[in-house]
Amino acid sequence: MSPSPSRSSSPFPSAPAVAFFDVDETLISVNSMSRFLRHHFQVSGRPRSALDDAVRGLRALAERGAPRADVARAYYRHYAGCDDRELAVQGRAWFAAELRAGGLFLRDSVAALREHRRTGETVVLVSGSFAPCLDPIAERLGVDMVLSARPETVAGVHTGRLDATMIGEEKAAAVRALLLERGISGDRCHAYGDHASDLAMLRAVGHPVAVGTDPVLARHAEEGGWRRLPGAAPS
């Protein structure tokens, strides 16, 4: 049986607790991985045709029904040979450009995050994206920790392989491991996600919150009486 929402007057229980947030289309209105890939190809001087080929390949994998983790592995192969420090610089430039464009952050989700911070809870981002995209977001929001995909690097250079995808069950495992390490009951904690692939993470806590309109997630939210927040407006 799915957990029920808190019955206290405030939607957030008192600390100690942890609030876990997916990022893409949960806290921000865009997919950071696809947007950053475009930025990376542009600033690296690669032709538009190379980006188009990369996007087509990833889209074809998804349309054939490949697991999201397999699509992620294909995505990170595009960074093989890249210097980790240079990607970090590119990530900050990408983030600054997204901020200038406006509408990056989802208001209701960010308000929830700030409320968790106000009550003294630990706030953790849990995402299949990676450090170049997530570090500037984490700094902007003042979060405590980031659990993310871990591309393999050797001497600071990306190999194109992944040590962890942080998708699906990997998110839930990371959440449970952190709570066990800190001796915190998952029943006290919140998690926010926008996609069916976030279900394992949402079920790992006592207070799951569904963001947006994903039909699978919406069905579970309705059946479990989960709190819901609006997502990004359709483009």
C-alpha atoms as a PDB file:
ATOM      1  CA  MET A   1       0.000   0.000   0.000  1.00  0.00           C
ATOM      2  CA  SER A   2       1.359   3.425  -0.906  1.00  0.00           C
ATOM      3  CA  PRO A   3       2.238   5.799   1.924  1.00  0.00           C
ATOM      4  CA  SER A   4      -0.207   8.535   2.809  1.00  0.00           C
ATOM      5  CA  PRO A   5       0.673  12.224   2.968  1.00  0.00           C
ATOM      6  CA  SER A   6       1.425  13.877   6.278  1.00  0.00           C
ATOM      7  CA  ARG A   7      -1.652  14.802   8.299  1.00  0.00           C
ATOM      8  CA  SER A   8       0.107  17.582  10.232  1.00  0.00           C
ATOM      9  CA  SER A   9      -0.860  21.225   9.743  1.00  0.00           C
ATOM     10  CA  SER A  10       2.377  21.763   7.820  1.00  0.00           C
ATOM     11  CA  PRO A  11       3.145  19.581   4.779  1.00  0.00           C
ATOM     12  CA  PHE A  12       6.667  19.079   6.145  1.00  0.00           C
ATOM     13  CA  PRO A  13       7.497  17.206   9.363  1.00  0.00           C
ATOM     14  CA  SER A  14      10.131  18.540  11.725  1.00  0.00           C
ATOM     15  CA  ALA A  15      13.798  17.661  11.222  1.00  0.00           C
ATOM     16  CA  PRO A  16      15.732  15.414  11.153  1.00  0.00           C
ATOM     17  CA  ALA A  17      14.623  14.395   7.709  1.00  0.00           C
ATOM     18  CA  VAL A  18      15.795  14.562   4.118  1.00  0.00           C
ATOM     19  CA  ALA A  19      14.029  15.947   1.044  1.00  0.00           C
ATOM     20  CA  PHE A  20      15.137  14.333  -2.213  1.00  0.00           C
ATOM     21  CA  PHE A  21      14.544  16.105  -5.522  1.00  0.00           C
ATOM     22  CA  ASP A  22      14.866  14.867  -9.059  1.00  0.00           C
ATOM     23  CA  VAL A  23      16.042  17.810 -11.195  1.00  0.00           C
ATOM     24  CA  ASP A  24      15.056  17.769 -14.873  1.00  0.00           C
ATOM     25  CA  GLU A  25      11.393  18.768 -15.226  1.00  0.00           C
ATOM     26  CA  THR A  26      11.013  18.496 -11.456  1.00  0.00           C
ATOM     27  CA  LEU A  27      13.001  21.528 -10.293  1.00  0.00           C
ATOM     28  CA  ILE A  28      13.850  22.953 -13.701  1.00  0.00           C
ATOM     29  CA  SER A  29      11.615  23.227 -16.760  1.00  0.00           C
ATOM     30  CA  VAL A  30      14.074  21.685 -19.230  1.00  0.00           C
ATOM     31  CA  ASN A  31      16.069  18.505 -19.705  1.00  0.00           C
ATOM     32  CA  SER A  32      19.544  19.570 -18.629  1.00  0.00           C
ATOM     33  CA  MET A  33      21.257  16.687 -20.400  1.00  0.00           C
ATOM     34  CA  SER A  34      19.891  17.443 -23.866  1.00  0.00           C
ATOM     35  CA  ARG A  35      20.278  21.211 -23.460  1.00  0.00           C
ATOM     36  CA  PHE A  36      23.852  20.884 -22.239  1.00  0.00           C
ATOM     37  CA  LEU A  37      24.758  18.491 -25.049  1.00  0.00           C
ATOM     38  CA  ARG A  38      23.687  21.150 -27.543  1.00  0.00           C
ATOM     39  CA  HIS A  39      25.729  23.792 -25.720  1.00  0.00           C
ATOM     40  CA  HIS A  40      28.752  21.477 -25.524  1.00  0.00           C
ATOM     41  CA  PHE A  41      28.738  20.753 -29.256  1.00  0.00           C
ATOM     42  CA  GLN A  42      28.392  24.453 -30.058  1.00  0.00           C
ATOM     43  CA  VAL A  43      31.213  25.729 -27.843  1.00  0.00           C
ATOM     44  CA  SER A  44      33.452  22.828 -28.855  1.00  0.00           C
ATOM     45  CA  GLY A  45      33.209  23.961 -32.478  1.00  0.00           C
ATOM     46  CA  ARG A  46      31.624  20.756 -33.698  1.00  0.00           C
ATOM     47  CA  PRO A  47      29.391  20.981 -36.776  1.00  0.00           C
ATOM     48  CA  ARG A  48      25.620  21.116 -36.426  1.00  0.00           C
ATOM     49  CA  SER A  49      25.409  17.880 -38.362  1.00  0.00           C
ATOM     50  CA  ALA A  50      27.316  16.096 -35.580  1.00  0.00           C
ATOM     51  CA  LEU A  51      24.801  17.305 -33.014  1.00  0.00           C
ATOM     52  CA  ASP A  52      21.910  16.278 -35.245  1.00  0.00           C
ATOM     53  CA  ASP A  53      23.407  12.797 -35.624  1.00  0.00           C
ATOM     54  CA  ALA A  54      23.890  12.493 -31.866  1.00  0.00           C
ATOM     55  CA  VAL A  55      20.329  13.555 -31.116  1.00  0.00           C
ATOM     56  CA  ARG A  56      18.897  11.239 -33.768  1.00  0.00           C
ATOM     57  CA  GLY A  57      20.813   8.313 -32.351  1.00  0.00           C
ATOM     58  CA  LEU A  58      19.634   8.915 -28.812  1.00  0.00           C
ATOM     59  CA  ARG A  59      16.054   9.481 -29.945  1.00  0.00           C
ATOM     60  CA  ALA A  60      16.094   6.276 -31.988  1.00  0.00           C
ATOM     61  CA  LEU A  61      17.227   4.297 -28.942  1.00  0.00           C
ATOM     62  CA  ALA A  62      14.395   5.734 -26.862  1.00  0.00           C
ATOM     63  CA  GLU A  63      11.807   5.131 -29.585  1.00  0.00           C
ATOM     64  CA  ARG A  64      12.889   1.483 -29.852  1.00  0.00           C
ATOM     65  CA  GLY A  65      12.067   1.105 -26.183  1.00  0.00           C
ATOM     66  CA  ALA A  66      15.608   0.913 -24.858  1.00  0.00           C
ATOM     67  CA  PRO A  67      15.796   1.285 -21.059  1.00  0.00           C
ATOM     68  CA  ARG A  68      16.524   4.829 -19.918  1.00  0.00           C
ATOM     69  CA  ALA A  69      19.789   3.624 -18.405  1.00  0.00           C
ATOM     70  CA  ASP A  70      20.936   2.375 -21.827  1.00  0.00           C
ATOM     71  CA  VAL A  71      20.025   5.705 -23.407  1.00  0.00           C
ATOM     72  CA  ALA A  72      22.009   7.436 -20.673  1.00  0.00           C
ATOM     73  CA  ARG A  73      25.058   5.284 -21.375  1.00  0.00           C
ATOM     74  CA  ALA A  74      24.823   6.193 -25.058  1.00  0.00           C
ATOM     75  CA  TYR A  75      24.481   9.859 -24.098  1.00  0.00           C
ATOM     76  CA  TYR A  76      27.628   9.924 -21.970  1.00  0.00           C
ATOM     77  CA  ARG A  77      29.696   8.293 -24.701  1.00  0.00           C
ATOM     78  CA  HIS A  78      29.515  11.655 -26.481  1.00  0.00           C
ATOM     79  CA  TYR A  79      31.840  13.108 -23.829  1.00  0.00           C
ATOM     80  CA  ALA A  80      34.617  10.569 -24.353  1.00  0.00           C
ATOM     81  CA  GLY A  81      37.940  12.393 -24.473  1.00  0.00           C
ATOM     82  CA  CYS A  82      36.614  15.556 -22.802  1.00  0.00           C
ATOM     83  CA  ASP A  83      38.483  17.201 -19.963  1.00  0.00           C
ATOM     84  CA  ASP A  84      36.460  17.202 -16.748  1.00  0.00           C
ATOM     85  CA  ARG A  85      37.499  20.757 -15.840  1.00  0.00           C
ATOM     86  CA  GLU A  86      36.553  22.108 -19.244  1.00  0.00           C
ATOM     87  CA  LEU A  87      33.127  20.473 -18.995  1.00  0.00           C
ATOM     88  CA  ALA A  88      32.662  22.172 -15.621  1.00  0.00           C
ATOM     89  CA  VAL A  89      33.417  25.554 -17.230  1.00  0.00           C
ATOM     90  CA  GLN A  90      30.996  24.786 -20.043  1.00  0.00           C
ATOM     91  CA  GLY A  91      28.359  23.803 -17.504  1.00  0.00           C
ATOM     92  CA  ARG A  92      28.515  27.142 -15.759  1.00  0.00           C
ATOM     93  CA  ALA A  93      28.277  28.978 -19.069  1.00  0.00           C
ATOM     94  CA  TRP A  94      25.290  26.820 -20.053  1.00  0.00           C
ATOM     95  CA  PHE A  95      23.555  27.509 -16.748  1.00  0.00           C
ATOM     96  CA  ALA A  96      24.141  31.260 -17.023  1.00  0.00           C
ATOM     97  CA  ALA A  97      22.623  31.252 -20.518  1.00  0.00           C
ATOM     98  CA  GLU A  98      19.564  29.303 -19.292  1.00  0.00           C
ATOM     99  CA  LEU A  99      19.075  31.801 -16.474  1.00  0.00           C
ATOM    100  CA  ARG A 100      19.249  34.713 -18.903  1.00  0.00           C
ATOM    101  CA  ALA A 101      16.624  33.066 -21.101  1.00  0.00           C
ATOM    102  CA  GLY A 102      14.225  32.937 -18.140  1.00  0.00           C
ATOM    103  CA  GLY A 103      11.744  30.365 -16.932  1.00  0.00           C
ATOM    104  CA  LEU A 104      14.357  27.819 -15.915  1.00  0.00           C
ATOM    105  CA  PHE A 105      13.122  26.991 -12.417  1.00  0.00           C
ATOM    106  CA  LEU A 106       9.692  25.581 -11.594  1.00  0.00           C
ATOM    107  CA  ARG A 107       8.219  27.953  -9.034  1.00  0.00           C
ATOM    108  CA  ASP A 108       6.214  25.504  -6.928  1.00  0.00           C
ATOM    109  CA  SER A 109       8.980  22.943  -6.717  1.00  0.00           C
ATOM    110  CA  VAL A 110      11.558  25.537  -5.745  1.00  0.00           C
ATOM    111  CA  ALA A 111       9.167  26.912  -3.113  1.00  0.00           C
ATOM    112  CA  ALA A 112       8.859  23.400  -1.667  1.00  0.00           C
ATOM    113  CA  LEU A 113      12.634  23.014  -1.618  1.00  0.00           C
ATOM    114  CA  ARG A 114      13.052  26.313   0.189  1.00  0.00           C
ATOM    115  CA  GLU A 115      10.468  25.285   2.768  1.00  0.00           C
ATOM    116  CA  HIS A 116      12.399  22.107   3.461  1.00  0.00           C
ATOM    117  CA  ARG A 117      15.543  24.189   3.922  1.00  0.00           C
ATOM    118  CA  ARG A 118      13.685  26.590   6.234  1.00  0.00           C
ATOM    119  CA  THR A 119      12.635  23.733   8.511  1.00  0.00           C
ATOM    120  CA  GLY A 120      16.225  22.518   8.744  1.00  0.00           C
ATOM    121  CA  GLU A 121      15.900  19.408   6.607  1.00  0.00           C
ATOM    122  CA  THR A 122      18.739  18.167   4.443  1.00  0.00           C
ATOM    123  CA  VAL A 123      18.040  18.763   0.751  1.00  0.00           C
ATOM    124  CA  VAL A 124      19.517  16.353  -1.790  1.00  0.00           C
ATOM    125  CA  LEU A 125      19.372  16.404  -5.589  1.00  0.00           C
ATOM    126  CA  VAL A 126      19.088  12.930  -7.163  1.00  0.00           C
ATOM    127  CA  SER A 127      19.554  12.989 -10.927  1.00  0.00           C
ATOM    128  CA  GLY A 128      20.727  11.072 -13.950  1.00  0.00           C
ATOM    129  CA  SER A 129      22.350  14.291 -15.133  1.00  0.00           C
ATOM    130  CA  PHE A 130      25.947  15.042 -14.189  1.00  0.00           C
ATOM    131  CA  ALA A 131      28.123  17.543 -12.362  1.00  0.00           C
ATOM    132  CA  PRO A 132      28.600  20.175 -15.108  1.00  0.00           C
ATOM    133  CA  CYS A 133      24.823  20.692 -15.186  1.00  0.00           C
ATOM    134  CA  LEU A 134      23.976  19.996 -11.561  1.00  0.00           C
ATOM    135  CA  ASP A 135      26.695  21.819  -9.627  1.00  0.00           C
ATOM    136  CA  PRO A 136      25.576  25.347 -10.612  1.00  0.00           C
ATOM    137  CA  ILE A 137      21.927  24.413  -9.960  1.00  0.00           C
ATOM    138  CA  ALA A 138      22.840  23.028  -6.531  1.00  0.00           C
ATOM    139  CA  GLU A 139      24.792  26.158  -5.647  1.00  0.00           C
ATOM    140  CA  ARG A 140      21.978  28.425  -6.796  1.00  0.00           C
ATOM    141  CA  LEU A 141      19.427  26.581  -4.645  1.00  0.00           C
ATOM    142  CA  GLY A 142      21.703  26.040  -1.666  1.00  0.00           C
ATOM    143  CA  VAL A 143      21.220  22.287  -1.496  1.00  0.00           C
ATOM    144  CA  ASP A 144      23.286  20.075   0.783  1.00  0.00           C
ATOM    145  CA  MET A 145      24.223  17.171  -1.480  1.00  0.00           C
ATOM    146  CA  VAL A 146      24.018  15.904  -5.051  1.00  0.00           C
ATOM    147  CA  LEU A 147      23.612  12.246  -6.005  1.00  0.00           C
ATOM    148  CA  SER A 148      24.169  12.056  -9.744  1.00  0.00           C
ATOM    149  CA  ALA A 149      25.361  10.019 -12.692  1.00  0.00           C
ATOM    150  CA  ARG A 150      29.076   9.302 -12.429  1.00  0.00           C
ATOM    151  CA  PRO A 151      30.872   9.270 -15.777  1.00  0.00           C
ATOM    152  CA  GLU A 152      34.156   7.419 -15.575  1.00  0.00           C
ATOM    153  CA  THR A 153      37.267   9.583 -15.812  1.00  0.00           C
ATOM    154  CA  VAL A 154      40.939   8.688 -16.039  1.00  0.00           C
ATOM    155  CA  ALA A 155      43.394  11.436 -15.144  1.00  0.00           C
ATOM    156  CA  GLY A 156      40.555  13.944 -15.443  1.00  0.00           C
ATOM    157  CA  VAL A 157      39.484  12.819 -18.925  1.00  0.00           C
ATOM    158  CA  HIS A 158      36.118  11.215 -19.622  1.00  0.00           C
ATOM    159  CA  THR A 159      36.274   7.690 -21.022  1.00  0.00           C
ATOM    160  CA  GLY A 160      32.669   7.679 -22.260  1.00  0.00           C
ATOM    161  CA  ARG A 161      31.689   4.992 -19.750  1.00  0.00           C
ATOM    162  CA  LEU A 162      29.468   5.328 -16.689  1.00  0.00           C
ATOM    163  CA  ASP A 163      30.146   4.165 -13.143  1.00  0.00           C
ATOM    164  CA  ALA A 164      26.527   4.904 -12.153  1.00  0.00           C
ATOM    165  CA  THR A 165      23.483   6.057 -14.120  1.00  0.00           C
ATOM    166  CA  MET A 166      21.398   7.269 -11.128  1.00  0.00           C
ATOM    167  CA  ILE A 167      18.227   6.247 -12.937  1.00  0.00           C
ATOM    168  CA  GLY A 168      15.348   4.124 -11.688  1.00  0.00           C
ATOM    169  CA  GLU A 169      16.307   1.684  -8.950  1.00  0.00           C
ATOM    170  CA  GLU A 170      19.759   3.274  -8.655  1.00  0.00           C
ATOM    171  CA  LYS A 171      18.061   6.408  -7.330  1.00  0.00           C
ATOM    172  CA  ALA A 172      16.173   4.421  -4.719  1.00  0.00           C
ATOM    173  CA  ALA A 173      19.306   2.525  -3.693  1.00  0.00           C
ATOM    174  CA  ALA A 174      21.234   5.785  -3.271  1.00  0.00           C
ATOM    175  CA  VAL A 175      18.399   7.254  -1.191  1.00  0.00           C
ATOM    176  CA  ARG A 176      18.204   4.198   1.058  1.00  0.00           C
ATOM    177  CA  ALA A 177      21.982   4.086   1.478  1.00  0.00           C
ATOM    178  CA  LEU A 178      22.125   7.728   2.553  1.00  0.00           C
ATOM    179  CA  LEU A 179      19.280   7.296   5.034  1.00  0.00           C
ATOM    180  CA  LEU A 180      20.888   4.161   6.485  1.00  0.00           C
ATOM    181  CA  GLU A 181      24.221   5.948   6.821  1.00  0.00           C
ATOM    182  CA  ARG A 182      22.587   8.825   8.694  1.00  0.00           C
ATOM    183  CA  GLY A 183      20.205   6.704  10.731  1.00  0.00           C
ATOM    184  CA  ILE A 184      17.148   8.504   9.371  1.00  0.00           C
ATOM    185  CA  SER A 185      13.815   6.785   8.794  1.00  0.00           C
ATOM    186  CA  GLY A 186      12.520   7.044   5.242  1.00  0.00           C
ATOM    187  CA  ASP A 187       9.039   7.503   6.695  1.00  0.00           C
ATOM    188  CA  ARG A 188      10.078  11.014   7.766  1.00  0.00           C
ATOM    189  CA  CYS A 189      11.362  12.013   4.346  1.00  0.00           C
ATOM    190  CA  HIS A 190      10.020  13.543   1.130  1.00  0.00           C
ATOM    191  CA  ALA A 191      10.936  12.820  -2.475  1.00  0.00           C
ATOM    192  CA  TYR A 192       9.913  14.713  -5.614  1.00  0.00           C
ATOM    193  CA  GLY A 193       9.897  13.311  -9.153  1.00  0.00           C
ATOM    194  CA  ASP A 194       8.227  13.879 -12.508  1.00  0.00           C
ATOM    195  CA  HIS A 195       8.546  10.548 -14.320  1.00  0.00           C
ATOM    196  CA  ALA A 196       7.660   6.895 -13.872  1.00  0.00           C
ATOM    197  CA  SER A 197      11.379   6.164 -13.615  1.00  0.00           C
ATOM    198  CA  ASP A 198      11.310   8.101 -10.316  1.00  0.00           C
ATOM    199  CA  LEU A 199       8.798   5.694  -8.765  1.00  0.00           C
ATOM    200  CA  ALA A 200      11.392   3.578  -6.970  1.00  0.00           C
ATOM    201  CA  MET A 201      12.818   6.677  -5.299  1.00  0.00           C
ATOM    202  CA  LEU A 202       9.379   8.001  -4.416  1.00  0.00           C
ATOM    203  CA  ARG A 203       8.439   4.694  -2.814  1.00  0.00           C
ATOM    204  CA  ALA A 204      11.596   4.767  -0.685  1.00  0.00           C
ATOM    205  CA  VAL A 205      10.190   7.608   1.456  1.00  0.00           C
ATOM    206  CA  GLY A 206       7.077   8.262   3.475  1.00  0.00           C
ATOM    207  CA  HIS A 207       6.041  11.409   1.607  1.00  0.00           C
ATOM    208  CA  PRO A 208       6.302  11.068  -2.181  1.00  0.00           C
ATOM    209  CA  VAL A 209       5.377  14.087  -4.296  1.00  0.00           C
ATOM    210  CA  ALA A 210       4.492  13.800  -7.989  1.00  0.00           C
ATOM    211  CA  VAL A 211       5.442  16.738 -10.207  1.00  0.00           C
ATOM    212  CA  GLY A 212       3.793  17.291 -13.576  1.00  0.00           C
ATOM    213  CA  THR A 213       1.493  15.110 -15.635  1.00  0.00           C
ATOM    214  CA  ASP A 214       3.319  11.864 -16.410  1.00  0.00           C
ATOM    215  CA  PRO A 215       0.373   9.431 -16.705  1.00  0.00           C
ATOM    216  CA  VAL A 216       2.013   6.517 -14.889  1.00  0.00           C
ATOM    217  CA  LEU A 217       3.169   8.726 -12.052  1.00  0.00           C
ATOM    218  CA  ALA A 218      -0.205  10.469 -11.918  1.00  0.00           C
ATOM    219  CA  ARG A 219      -1.984   7.144 -11.512  1.00  0.00           C
ATOM    220  CA  HIS A 220       0.221   6.139  -8.602  1.00  0.00           C
ATOM    221  CA  ALA A 221      -0.219   9.568  -7.030  1.00  0.00           C
ATOM    222  CA  GLU A 222      -3.987   9.277  -7.244  1.00  0.00           C
ATOM    223  CA  GLU A 223      -4.041   5.755  -5.846  1.00  0.00           C
ATOM    224  CA  GLY A 224      -1.671   6.631  -3.002  1.00  0.00           C
ATOM    225  CA  GLY A 225      -3.079  10.048  -2.172  1.00  0.00           C
ATOM    226  CA  TRP A 226       0.298  11.620  -2.849  1.00  0.00           C
ATOM    227  CA  ARG A 227       0.802  15.349  -2.896  1.00  0.00           C
ATOM    228  CA  ARG A 228       1.132  16.768  -6.407  1.00  0.00           C
ATOM    229  CA  LEU A 229       2.789  19.840  -7.888  1.00  0.00           C
ATOM    230  CA  PRO A 230       2.496  21.346 -11.373  1.00  0.00           C
ATOM    231  CA  GLY A 231       5.334  20.676 -13.779  1.00  0.00           C
ATOM    232  CA  ALA A 232       6.617  22.534 -16.801  1.00  0.00           C
ATOM    233  CA  ALA A 233       4.022  23.956 -19.187  1.00  0.00           C
ATOM    234  CA  PRO A 234       3.859  22.012 -22.473  1.00  0.00           C
ATOM    235  CA  SER A 235       5.971  23.663 -25.172  1.00  0.00           C
END
